[in-house]
Amino acid sequence: QVRLVESGGGLVQAGGSLTLSCSASGEVLSFNIMGWYRQAPGKQRELVATMSTRDKINYADSVKGRFTISRHNRDDKVSLQMKGLEPDDTAVHYCNLHQGIQRYWGSGTRVAVSS
């Protein structure tokens, strides 16, 4: 089993910045993909950004140029720096770890952006 603990959500004004962090513990394999998904009210959960232990990065088109994902493999930690936040970024953001056929989710951290 893997446990994911998120931190860093909050309320900001449009144009502001936030950094989300997620730490993984438990049976974390040497190769995995960690990242962030989000779910806005009334919408499906969607990809925000992911990064593998081999540094392969994937961003949603809507966040390219504004968000930066990074990870610290030694600590099994991933961070998401979010700049230029927009009201459409308002959502619960979930940390995800994918290894083998298993996917693990954090409990989510809320990001709210006011206009």
Protein backbone atom coordinates (compact mmCIF):
# COMPACT_ATOMS: atom_id res chain seq x y z
CA GLN A 1 0.00 0.00 0.00
CA VAL A 2 0.99 3.58 -0.63
CA ARG A 3 -0.15 6.62 1.31
CA LEU A 4 -0.21 10.10 -0.24
CA VAL A 5 -0.38 13.26 1.85
CA GLU A 6 -1.06 16.59 0.15
CA SER A 7 -0.58 20.15 1.34
CA GLY A 8 -0.63 23.67 -0.01
CA GLY A 9 -4.14 24.41 -1.22
CA GLY A 10 -5.96 27.61 -0.40
CA LEU A 11 -7.80 30.68 -1.63
CA VAL A 12 -6.09 33.22 -3.89
CA GLN A 13 -7.07 36.02 -6.20
CA ALA A 14 -6.80 35.67 -9.94
CA GLY A 15 -3.21 36.06 -11.04
CA GLY A 16 -1.89 34.72 -7.76
CA SER A 17 0.30 31.72 -7.04
CA LEU A 18 0.16 28.57 -4.95
CA THR A 19 2.43 25.57 -4.54
CA LEU A 20 1.02 22.11 -3.86
CA SER A 21 3.13 19.35 -2.35
CA CYS A 22 2.57 15.64 -2.01
CA SER A 23 4.61 13.06 -0.14
CA ALA A 24 4.34 9.34 -0.72
CA SER A 25 5.10 6.66 1.84
CA GLY A 26 4.78 2.91 2.00
CA GLU A 27 5.54 0.45 -0.80
CA VAL A 28 6.77 2.94 -3.38
CA LEU A 29 8.55 1.31 -6.31
CA SER A 30 11.71 2.71 -7.88
CA PHE A 31 9.84 3.53 -11.11
CA ASN A 32 6.59 5.39 -10.80
CA ILE A 33 4.67 8.36 -12.10
CA MET A 34 3.49 10.97 -9.63
CA GLY A 35 1.35 13.93 -10.40
CA TRP A 36 -1.78 15.94 -9.95
CA TYR A 37 -5.34 15.70 -11.15
CA ARG A 38 -8.21 18.03 -10.35
CA GLN A 39 -11.97 17.93 -10.19
CA ALA A 40 -14.10 21.04 -10.40
CA PRO A 41 -17.72 21.04 -9.20
CA GLY A 42 -19.93 19.21 -11.67
CA LYS A 43 -17.01 18.12 -13.83
CA GLN A 44 -14.96 14.97 -14.28
CA ARG A 45 -11.53 14.56 -12.76
CA GLU A 46 -8.85 15.68 -15.20
CA LEU A 47 -5.11 15.54 -15.58
CA VAL A 48 -3.11 18.59 -14.50
CA ALA A 49 0.49 17.39 -14.66
CA THR A 50 2.52 14.23 -14.11
CA MET A 51 6.19 13.44 -13.85
CA SER A 52 7.92 10.06 -13.87
CA THR A 53 11.00 9.02 -11.92
CA ARG A 54 12.77 9.26 -15.29
CA ASP A 55 11.77 12.92 -15.56
CA LYS A 56 9.18 12.51 -18.29
CA ILE A 57 6.64 15.32 -17.83
CA ASN A 58 3.11 15.70 -19.11
CA TYR A 59 0.98 18.85 -18.72
CA ALA A 60 -2.63 19.56 -19.56
CA ASP A 61 -2.83 22.16 -22.32
CA SER A 62 -4.76 24.48 -20.02
CA VAL A 63 -1.86 24.80 -17.57
CA LYS A 64 1.16 24.83 -19.89
CA GLY A 65 3.31 27.88 -19.28
CA ARG A 66 1.66 28.59 -15.92
CA PHE A 67 2.27 25.46 -13.82
CA THR A 68 5.55 23.67 -13.13
CA ILE A 69 5.81 20.16 -11.72
CA SER A 70 8.92 18.90 -9.96
CA ARG A 71 9.82 15.93 -7.86
CA HIS A 72 12.33 14.75 -5.31
CA ASN A 73 12.79 11.07 -5.95
CA ARG A 74 14.80 10.44 -2.83
CA ASP A 75 11.90 11.68 -0.72
CA ASP A 76 9.11 10.38 -3.01
CA LYS A 77 7.74 13.90 -3.10
CA VAL A 78 6.17 15.86 -5.92
CA SER A 79 5.36 19.57 -6.05
CA LEU A 80 3.23 21.68 -8.35
CA GLN A 81 4.04 25.37 -8.61
CA MET A 82 1.01 27.23 -9.93
CA LYS A 83 1.32 30.78 -11.23
CA GLY A 84 -1.13 33.01 -13.02
CA LEU A 85 -4.06 31.24 -11.41
CA GLU A 86 -7.45 31.73 -13.02
CA PRO A 87 -10.98 31.18 -11.69
CA ASP A 88 -11.20 28.12 -13.97
CA ASP A 89 -8.41 26.54 -11.90
CA THR A 90 -10.78 26.29 -8.95
CA ALA A 91 -11.03 22.60 -8.06
CA VAL A 92 -10.06 19.94 -5.59
CA HIS A 93 -6.56 18.86 -6.58
CA TYR A 94 -5.60 15.24 -6.01
CA CYS A 95 -2.13 13.76 -5.82
CA ASN A 96 -1.73 10.53 -7.76
CA LEU A 97 0.92 7.84 -7.84
CA HIS A 98 0.89 5.25 -10.61
CA GLN A 99 3.17 2.21 -10.43
CA GLY A 100 2.68 -1.06 -12.23
CA ILE A 101 -1.06 -1.60 -12.46
CA GLN A 102 -1.79 0.27 -9.23
CA ARG A 103 -3.00 3.83 -8.85
CA TYR A 104 -3.13 5.58 -5.52
CA TRP A 105 -4.88 8.83 -4.64
CA GLY A 106 -4.55 11.41 -1.94
CA SER A 107 -7.60 12.81 -0.20
CA GLY A 108 -7.38 16.07 -2.14
CA THR A 109 -6.59 19.69 -1.39
CA ARG A 110 -8.88 22.52 -2.40
CA VAL A 111 -7.72 25.38 -4.62
CA ALA A 112 -10.09 28.32 -4.99
CA VAL A 113 -9.35 31.29 -7.24
CA SER A 114 -11.47 34.42 -6.95
CA SER A 115 -11.95 36.85 -9.83
